[in-house]
PDB file of N, CA and C in Angstrom:
ATOM      1  N   MET A   1      74.336 101.142  92.890  1.00  0.00           N
ATOM      2  CA  MET A   1      73.776 102.418  93.247  1.00  0.00           C
ATOM      3  C   MET A   1      72.585 102.697  92.325  1.00  0.00           C
ATOM      4  N   ALA A   2      71.485 103.046  92.895  1.00  0.00           N
ATOM      5  CA  ALA A   2      70.270 103.289  92.127  1.00  0.00           C
ATOM      6  C   ALA A   2      70.342 104.633  91.414  1.00  0.00           C
ATOM      7  N   LYS A   3      69.871 104.614  90.197  1.00  0.00           N
ATOM      8  CA  LYS A   3      69.835 105.860  89.437  1.00  0.00           C
ATOM      9  C   LYS A   3      68.623 106.673  89.868  1.00  0.00           C
ATOM     10  N   THR A   4      68.851 107.945  89.996  1.00  0.00           N
ATOM     11  CA  THR A   4      67.726 108.821  90.304  1.00  0.00           C
ATOM     12  C   THR A   4      67.534 109.780  89.135  1.00  0.00           C
ATOM     13  N   LYS A   5      66.322 109.892  88.749  1.00  0.00           N
ATOM     14  CA  LYS A   5      66.003 110.809  87.657  1.00  0.00           C
ATOM     15  C   LYS A   5      65.770 112.186  88.239  1.00  0.00           C
ATOM     16  N   LYS A   6      66.379 113.150  87.591  1.00  0.00           N
ATOM     17  CA  LYS A   6      66.119 114.519  88.009  1.00  0.00           C
ATOM     18  C   LYS A   6      64.747 114.918  87.496  1.00  0.00           C
ATOM     19  N   ARG A   7      63.988 115.453  88.401  1.00  0.00           N
ATOM     20  CA  ARG A   7      62.641 115.864  88.040  1.00  0.00           C
ATOM     21  C   ARG A   7      62.694 117.223  87.367  1.00  0.00           C
ATOM     22  N   LYS A   8      62.172 117.281  86.207  1.00  0.00           N
ATOM     23  CA  LYS A   8      62.165 118.529  85.453  1.00  0.00           C
ATOM     24  C   LYS A   8      61.024 119.397  85.974  1.00  0.00           C
ATOM     25  N   GLU A   9      61.390 120.569  86.466  1.00  0.00           N
ATOM     26  CA  GLU A   9      60.379 121.460  86.994  1.00  0.00           C
ATOM     27  C   GLU A   9      59.757 122.267  85.869  1.00  0.00           C
ATOM     28  N   ASN A  10      58.463 122.323  85.892  1.00  0.00           N
ATOM     29  CA  ASN A  10      57.736 123.095  84.882  1.00  0.00           C
ATOM     30  C   ASN A  10      57.296 124.409  85.510  1.00  0.00           C
ATOM     31  N   LYS A  11      58.134 125.398  85.357  1.00  0.00           N
ATOM     32  CA  LYS A  11      57.775 126.717  85.863  1.00  0.00           C
ATOM     33  C   LYS A  11      57.294 127.543  84.688  1.00  0.00           C
ATOM     34  N   LEU A  12      56.137 128.114  84.864  1.00  0.00           N
ATOM     35  CA  LEU A  12      55.559 128.921  83.803  1.00  0.00           C
ATOM     36  C   LEU A  12      55.777 130.384  84.115  1.00  0.00           C
ATOM     37  N   ASN A  13      56.054 131.158  83.087  1.00  0.00           N
ATOM     38  CA  ASN A  13      56.148 132.593  83.300  1.00  0.00           C
ATOM     39  C   ASN A  13      54.748 133.188  83.221  1.00  0.00           C
ATOM     40  N   GLY A  14      54.645 134.478  83.494  1.00  0.00           N
ATOM     41  CA  GLY A  14      53.347 135.138  83.525  1.00  0.00           C
ATOM     42  C   GLY A  14      52.568 134.995  82.242  1.00  0.00           C
ATOM     43  N   ASN A  15      53.247 135.122  81.104  1.00  0.00           N
ATOM     44  CA  ASN A  15      52.556 135.011  79.816  1.00  0.00           C
ATOM     45  C   ASN A  15      52.023 133.605  79.589  1.00  0.00           C
ATOM     46  N   GLN A  16      52.801 132.603  79.966  1.00  0.00           N
ATOM     47  CA  GLN A  16      52.360 131.226  79.774  1.00  0.00           C
ATOM     48  C   GLN A  16      51.161 130.911  80.657  1.00  0.00           C
ATOM     49  N   VAL A  17      51.175 131.429  81.878  1.00  0.00           N
ATOM     50  CA  VAL A  17      50.056 131.201  82.783  1.00  0.00           C
ATOM     51  C   VAL A  17      48.809 131.873  82.234  1.00  0.00           C
ATOM     52  N   GLU A  18      48.974 133.097  81.744  1.00  0.00           N
ATOM     53  CA  GLU A  18      47.834 133.819  81.192  1.00  0.00           C
ATOM     54  C   GLU A  18      47.267 133.089  79.973  1.00  0.00           C
ATOM     55  N   GLU A  19      48.149 132.595  79.110  1.00  0.00           N
ATOM     56  CA  GLU A  19      47.699 131.838  77.935  1.00  0.00           C
ATOM     57  C   GLU A  19      46.953 130.581  78.361  1.00  0.00           C
ATOM     58  N   PHE A  20      47.491 129.889  79.374  1.00  0.00           N
ATOM     59  CA  PHE A  20      46.847 128.681  79.874  1.00  0.00           C
ATOM     60  C   PHE A  20      45.452 128.991  80.406  1.00  0.00           C
ATOM     61  N   LEU A  21      45.341 130.069  81.194  1.00  0.00           N
ATOM     62  CA  LEU A  21      44.044 130.438  81.746  1.00  0.00           C
ATOM     63  C   LEU A  21      43.058 130.807  80.640  1.00  0.00           C
ATOM     64  N   GLU A  22      43.529 131.497  79.618  1.00  0.00           N
ATOM     65  CA  GLU A  22      42.655 131.860  78.507  1.00  0.00           C
ATOM     66  C   GLU A  22      42.153 130.608  77.783  1.00  0.00           C
ATOM     67  N   LYS A  23      43.043 129.632  77.572  1.00  0.00           N
ATOM     68  CA  LYS A  23      42.628 128.378  76.923  1.00  0.00           C
ATOM     69  C   LYS A  23      41.604 127.652  77.787  1.00  0.00           C
ATOM     70  N   LEU A  24      41.850 127.640  79.079  1.00  0.00           N
ATOM     71  CA  LEU A  24      40.939 126.981  80.006  1.00  0.00           C
ATOM     72  C   LEU A  24      39.572 127.653  79.982  1.00  0.00           C
ATOM     73  N   ILE A  25      39.563 128.970  79.975  1.00  0.00           N
ATOM     74  CA  ILE A  25      38.304 129.720  79.920  1.00  0.00           C
ATOM     75  C   ILE A  25      37.553 129.396  78.633  1.00  0.00           C
ATOM     76  N   LYS A  26      38.274 129.344  77.508  1.00  0.00           N
ATOM     77  CA  LYS A  26      37.626 129.042  76.226  1.00  0.00           C
ATOM     78  C   LYS A  26      37.012 127.643  76.233  1.00  0.00           C
ATOM     79  N   LYS A  27      37.734 126.676  76.819  1.00  0.00           N
ATOM     80  CA  LYS A  27      37.203 125.312  76.885  1.00  0.00           C
ATOM     81  C   LYS A  27      35.948 125.248  77.741  1.00  0.00           C
ATOM     82  N   VAL A  28      35.977 125.943  78.868  1.00  0.00           N
ATOM     83  CA  VAL A  28      34.819 125.944  79.760  1.00  0.00           C
ATOM     84  C   VAL A  28      33.633 126.604  79.075  1.00  0.00           C
ATOM     85  N   LEU A  29      33.884 127.726  78.386  1.00  0.00           N
ATOM     86  CA  LEU A  29      32.802 128.405  77.675  1.00  0.00           C
ATOM     87  C   LEU A  29      32.212 127.510  76.586  1.00  0.00           C
ATOM     88  N   LYS A  30      33.077 126.772  75.909  1.00  0.00           N
ATOM     89  CA  LYS A  30      32.607 125.857  74.860  1.00  0.00           C
ATOM     90  C   LYS A  30      31.701 124.785  75.467  1.00  0.00           C
ATOM     91  N   ARG A  31      32.115 124.244  76.611  1.00  0.00           N
ATOM     92  CA  ARG A  31      31.303 123.223  77.281  1.00  0.00           C
ATOM     93  C   ARG A  31      29.998 123.823  77.795  1.00  0.00           C
ATOM     94  N   LEU A  32      30.050 125.054  78.265  1.00  0.00           N
ATOM     95  CA  LEU A  32      28.832 125.715  78.737  1.00  0.00           C
ATOM     96  C   LEU A  32      27.836 125.899  77.601  1.00  0.00           C
ATOM     97  N   ASN A  33      28.352 126.301  76.440  1.00  0.00           N
ATOM     98  CA  ASN A  33      27.480 126.511  75.288  1.00  0.00           C
ATOM     99  C   ASN A  33      26.846 125.215  74.812  1.00  0.00           C
ATOM    100  N   SER A  34      27.535 124.103  74.974  1.00  0.00           N
ATOM    101  CA  SER A  34      26.972 122.818  74.562  1.00  0.00           C
ATOM    102  C   SER A  34      26.117 122.201  75.666  1.00  0.00           C
ATOM    103  N   LYS A  35      26.052 122.866  76.800  1.00  0.00           N
ATOM    104  CA  LYS A  35      25.227 122.461  77.948  1.00  0.00           C
ATOM    105  C   LYS A  35      25.646 121.120  78.541  1.00  0.00           C
ATOM    106  N   ASP A  36      26.909 120.720  78.313  1.00  0.00           N
ATOM    107  CA  ASP A  36      27.426 119.494  78.916  1.00  0.00           C
ATOM    108  C   ASP A  36      27.930 119.740  80.329  1.00  0.00           C
ATOM    109  N   TYR A  37      28.137 120.982  80.652  1.00  0.00           N
ATOM    110  CA  TYR A  37      28.803 121.306  81.911  1.00  0.00           C
ATOM    111  C   TYR A  37      27.976 122.315  82.682  1.00  0.00           C
ATOM    112  N   GLN A  38      27.695 121.994  83.910  1.00  0.00           N
ATOM    113  CA  GLN A  38      26.962 122.890  84.799  1.00  0.00           C
ATOM    114  C   GLN A  38      27.918 123.342  85.906  1.00  0.00           C
ATOM    115  N   PRO A  39      28.542 124.500  85.727  1.00  0.00           N
ATOM    116  CA  PRO A  39      29.531 124.932  86.717  1.00  0.00           C
ATOM    117  C   PRO A  39      28.889 125.369  88.025  1.00  0.00           C
ATOM    118  N   LYS A  40      29.690 125.304  89.044  1.00  0.00           N
ATOM    119  CA  LYS A  40      29.272 125.801  90.347  1.00  0.00           C
ATOM    120  C   LYS A  40      29.720 127.253  90.434  1.00  0.00           C
ATOM    121  N   VAL A  41      29.105 127.983  91.310  1.00  0.00           N
ATOM    122  CA  VAL A  41      29.498 129.378  91.517  1.00  0.00           C
ATOM    123  C   VAL A  41      30.949 129.427  91.965  1.00  0.00           C
ATOM    124  N   SER A  42      31.351 128.464  92.789  1.00  0.00           N
ATOM    125  CA  SER A  42      32.733 128.445  93.287  1.00  0.00           C
ATOM    126  C   SER A  42      33.737 128.294  92.143  1.00  0.00           C
ATOM    127  N   ASP A  43      33.367 127.569  91.082  1.00  0.00           N
ATOM    128  CA  ASP A  43      34.249 127.425  89.921  1.00  0.00           C
ATOM    129  C   ASP A  43      34.479 128.779  89.252  1.00  0.00           C
ATOM    130  N   ALA A  44      33.422 129.528  89.086  1.00  0.00           N
ATOM    131  CA  ALA A  44      33.532 130.838  88.452  1.00  0.00           C
ATOM    132  C   ALA A  44      34.345 131.794  89.324  1.00  0.00           C
ATOM    133  N   LEU A  45      34.098 131.785  90.625  1.00  0.00           N
ATOM    134  CA  LEU A  45      34.840 132.656  91.535  1.00  0.00           C
ATOM    135  C   LEU A  45      36.319 132.319  91.542  1.00  0.00           C
ATOM    136  N   ARG A  46      36.643 131.047  91.517  1.00  0.00           N
ATOM    137  CA  ARG A  46      38.045 130.628  91.503  1.00  0.00           C
ATOM    138  C   ARG A  46      38.740 131.112  90.228  1.00  0.00           C
ATOM    139  N   ALA A  47      38.068 131.017  89.100  1.00  0.00           N
ATOM    140  CA  ALA A  47      38.652 131.480  87.833  1.00  0.00           C
ATOM    141  C   ALA A  47      38.904 132.988  87.880  1.00  0.00           C
ATOM    142  N   ILE A  48      37.956 133.722  88.434  1.00  0.00           N
ATOM    143  CA  ILE A  48      38.120 135.177  88.539  1.00  0.00           C
ATOM    144  C   ILE A  48      39.282 135.512  89.465  1.00  0.00           C
ATOM    145  N   GLN A  49      39.384 134.824  90.591  1.00  0.00           N
ATOM    146  CA  GLN A  49      40.472 135.065  91.539  1.00  0.00           C
ATOM    147  C   GLN A  49      41.831 134.785  90.911  1.00  0.00           C
ATOM    148  N   LEU A  50      41.930 133.700  90.178  1.00  0.00           N
ATOM    149  CA  LEU A  50      43.196 133.359  89.525  1.00  0.00           C
ATOM    150  C   LEU A  50      43.608 134.439  88.535  1.00  0.00           C
ATOM    151  N   LYS A  51      42.668 134.930  87.768  1.00  0.00           N
ATOM    152  CA  LYS A  51      42.987 135.958  86.780  1.00  0.00           C
ATOM    153  C   LYS A  51      43.426 137.248  87.474  1.00  0.00           C
ATOM    154  N   GLN A  52      42.765 137.609  88.575  1.00  0.00           N
ATOM    155  CA  GLN A  52      43.146 138.817  89.317  1.00  0.00           C
ATOM    156  C   GLN A  52      44.528 138.673  89.927  1.00  0.00           C
ATOM    157  N   ARG A  53      44.848 137.506  90.460  1.00  0.00           N
ATOM    158  CA  ARG A  53      46.173 137.271  91.039  1.00  0.00           C
ATOM    159  C   ARG A  53      47.258 137.424  89.986  1.00  0.00           C
ATOM    160  N   LEU A  54      46.987 136.914  88.821  1.00  0.00           N
ATOM    161  CA  LEU A  54      47.955 137.012  87.737  1.00  0.00           C
ATOM    162  C   LEU A  54      48.214 138.463  87.380  1.00  0.00           C
ATOM    163  N   LYS A  55      47.169 139.250  87.272  1.00  0.00           N
ATOM    164  CA  LYS A  55      47.328 140.665  86.949  1.00  0.00           C
ATOM    165  C   LYS A  55      48.090 141.382  88.051  1.00  0.00           C
ATOM    166  N   LYS A  56      47.761 141.096  89.315  1.00  0.00           N
ATOM    167  CA  LYS A  56      48.433 141.752  90.436  1.00  0.00           C
ATOM    168  C   LYS A  56      49.910 141.410  90.448  1.00  0.00           C
ATOM    169  N   SER A  57      50.244 140.141  90.219  1.00  0.00           N
ATOM    170  CA  SER A  57      51.650 139.755  90.253  1.00  0.00           C
ATOM    171  C   SER A  57      52.419 140.390  89.097  1.00  0.00           C
ATOM    172  N   SER A  58      51.768 140.533  87.948  1.00  0.00           N
ATOM    173  CA  SER A  58      52.425 141.178  86.814  1.00  0.00           C
ATOM    174  C   SER A  58      52.701 142.643  87.109  1.00  0.00           C
ATOM    175  N   GLU A  59      51.745 143.324  87.730  1.00  0.00           N
ATOM    176  CA  GLU A  59      51.926 144.726  88.083  1.00  0.00           C
ATOM    177  C   GLU A  59      53.012 144.880  89.139  1.00  0.00           C
ATOM    178  N   ALA A  60      53.005 143.989  90.121  1.00  0.00           N
ATOM    179  CA  ALA A  60      54.011 144.050  91.180  1.00  0.00           C
ATOM    180  C   ALA A  60      55.402 143.808  90.613  1.00  0.00           C
ATOM    181  N   GLU A  61      55.510 142.871  89.687  1.00  0.00           N
ATOM    182  CA  GLU A  61      56.798 142.586  89.063  1.00  0.00           C
ATOM    183  C   GLU A  61      57.295 143.795  88.266  1.00  0.00           C
ATOM    184  N   LYS A  62      56.386 144.457  87.570  1.00  0.00           N
ATOM    185  CA  LYS A  62      56.748 145.635  86.786  1.00  0.00           C
ATOM    186  C   LYS A  62      57.274 146.732  87.714  1.00  0.00           C
ATOM    187  N   ILE A  63      56.594 146.970  88.812  1.00  0.00           N
ATOM    188  CA  ILE A  63      57.029 147.983  89.784  1.00  0.00           C
ATOM    189  C   ILE A  63      58.391 147.616  90.354  1.00  0.00           C
ATOM    190  N   PHE A  64      58.580 146.344  90.676  1.00  0.00           N
ATOM    191  CA  PHE A  64      59.852 145.873  91.218  1.00  0.00           C
ATOM    192  C   PHE A  64      60.993 146.201  90.266  1.00  0.00           C
ATOM    193  N   TRP A  65      60.834 145.857  88.991  1.00  0.00           N
ATOM    194  CA  TRP A  65      61.908 146.085  88.026  1.00  0.00           C
ATOM    195  C   TRP A  65      62.138 147.574  87.766  1.00  0.00           C
ATOM    196  N   GLU A  66      61.088 148.375  87.842  1.00  0.00           N
ATOM    197  CA  GLU A  66      61.260 149.822  87.719  1.00  0.00           C
ATOM    198  C   GLU A  66      62.101 150.368  88.872  1.00  0.00           C
ATOM    199  N   LEU A  67      61.829 149.867  90.084  1.00  0.00           N
ATOM    200  CA  LEU A  67      62.617 150.295  91.245  1.00  0.00           C
ATOM    201  C   LEU A  67      64.071 149.857  91.125  1.00  0.00           C
ATOM    202  N   ILE A  68      64.290 148.649  90.652  1.00  0.00           N
ATOM    203  CA  ILE A  68      65.657 148.152  90.458  1.00  0.00           C
ATOM    204  C   ILE A  68      66.395 149.039  89.461  1.00  0.00           C
ATOM    205  N   GLU A  69      65.726 149.403  88.376  1.00  0.00           N
ATOM    206  CA  GLU A  69      66.342 150.260  87.359  1.00  0.00           C
ATOM    207  C   GLU A  69      66.674 151.636  87.939  1.00  0.00           C
ATOM    208  N   LYS A  70      65.778 152.191  88.732  1.00  0.00           N
ATOM    209  CA  LYS A  70      66.014 153.489  89.357  1.00  0.00           C
ATOM    210  C   LYS A  70      67.234 153.434  90.281  1.00  0.00           C
ATOM    211  N   ILE A  71      67.320 152.388  91.092  1.00  0.00           N
ATOM    212  CA  ILE A  71      68.456 152.218  92.006  1.00  0.00           C
ATOM    213  C   ILE A  71      69.752 152.062  91.216  1.00  0.00           C
ATOM    214  N   ARG A  72      69.700 151.296  90.140  1.00  0.00           N
ATOM    215  CA  ARG A  72      70.888 151.076  89.311  1.00  0.00           C
ATOM    216  C   ARG A  72      71.403 152.396  88.734  1.00  0.00           C
ATOM    217  N   LYS A  73      70.479 153.197  88.214  1.00  0.00           N
ATOM    218  CA  LYS A  73      70.870 154.486  87.648  1.00  0.00           C
ATOM    219  C   LYS A  73      71.459 155.406  88.710  1.00  0.00           C
ATOM    220  N   GLU A  74      70.858 155.428  89.892  1.00  0.00           N
ATOM    221  CA  GLU A  74      71.369 156.265  90.980  1.00  0.00           C
ATOM    222  C   GLU A  74      72.776 155.838  91.395  1.00  0.00           C
ATOM    223  N   GLU A  75      72.997 154.538  91.478  1.00  0.00           N
ATOM    224  CA  GLU A  75      74.317 154.029  91.860  1.00  0.00           C
ATOM    225  C   GLU A  75      75.365 154.341  90.800  1.00  0.00           C
ATOM    226  N   LEU A  76      75.003 154.187  89.540  1.00  0.00           N
ATOM    227  CA  LEU A  76      75.937 154.514  88.455  1.00  0.00           C
ATOM    228  C   LEU A  76      76.299 155.995  88.493  1.00  0.00           C
ATOM    229  N   GLU A  77      75.302 156.828  88.713  1.00  0.00           N
ATOM    230  CA  GLU A  77      75.551 158.259  88.797  1.00  0.00           C
ATOM    231  C   GLU A  77      76.466 158.582  89.990  1.00  0.00           C
ATOM    232  N   ARG A  78      76.207 157.942  91.114  1.00  0.00           N
ATOM    233  CA  ARG A  78      77.031 158.166  92.312  1.00  0.00           C
ATOM    234  C   ARG A  78      78.456 157.714  92.072  1.00  0.00           C
ATOM    235  N   LEU A  79      78.656 156.586  91.447  1.00  0.00           N
ATOM    236  CA  LEU A  79      79.999 156.087  91.153  1.00  0.00           C
ATOM    237  C   LEU A  79      80.723 157.002  90.168  1.00  0.00           C
ATOM    238  N   ASN A  80      80.020 157.474  89.175  1.00  0.00           N
ATOM    239  CA  ASN A  80      80.626 158.391  88.203  1.00  0.00           C
ATOM    240  C   ASN A  80      81.034 159.704  88.863  1.00  0.00           C
ATOM    241  N   ASN A  81      80.250 160.179  89.793  1.00  0.00           N
ATOM    242  CA  ASN A  81      80.574 161.421  90.509  1.00  0.00           C
ATOM    243  C   ASN A  81      81.795 161.226  91.419  1.00  0.00           C
ATOM    244  N   LYS A  82      81.959 160.049  91.996  1.00  0.00           N
ATOM    245  CA  LYS A  82      83.118 159.753  92.848  1.00  0.00           C
ATOM    246  C   LYS A  82      84.401 159.730  92.046  1.00  0.00           C
ATOM    247  N   LYS A  83      84.335 159.266  90.812  1.00  0.00           N
ATOM    248  CA  LYS A  83      85.531 159.151  89.960  1.00  0.00           C
ATOM    249  C   LYS A  83      86.067 160.522  89.567  1.00  0.00           C
ATOM    250  N   ARG A  84      85.240 161.515  89.572  1.00  0.00           N
ATOM    251  CA  ARG A  84      85.650 162.860  89.126  1.00  0.00           C
ATOM    252  C   ARG A  84      86.394 163.569  90.165  1.00  0.00           C
TER     253      ARG A  84
END
């Protein structure tokens, strides 16, 4: 029977993605300053889009967890009122 290796998934959280994008931006800026790299407009637009998506997903996640907390508190209150 052949052995199969389990593929380790590399899932990054929001902070790790943001850190990665910041490092990438710094590297690109460094190359731009040394004039070794001539970016296309599409490269710049893609970087901006990625950063905006990250911010939007972080905000959406925050709203989601706030709603979950609100529902949890309401349910706890309802259960406590039933016990009385």
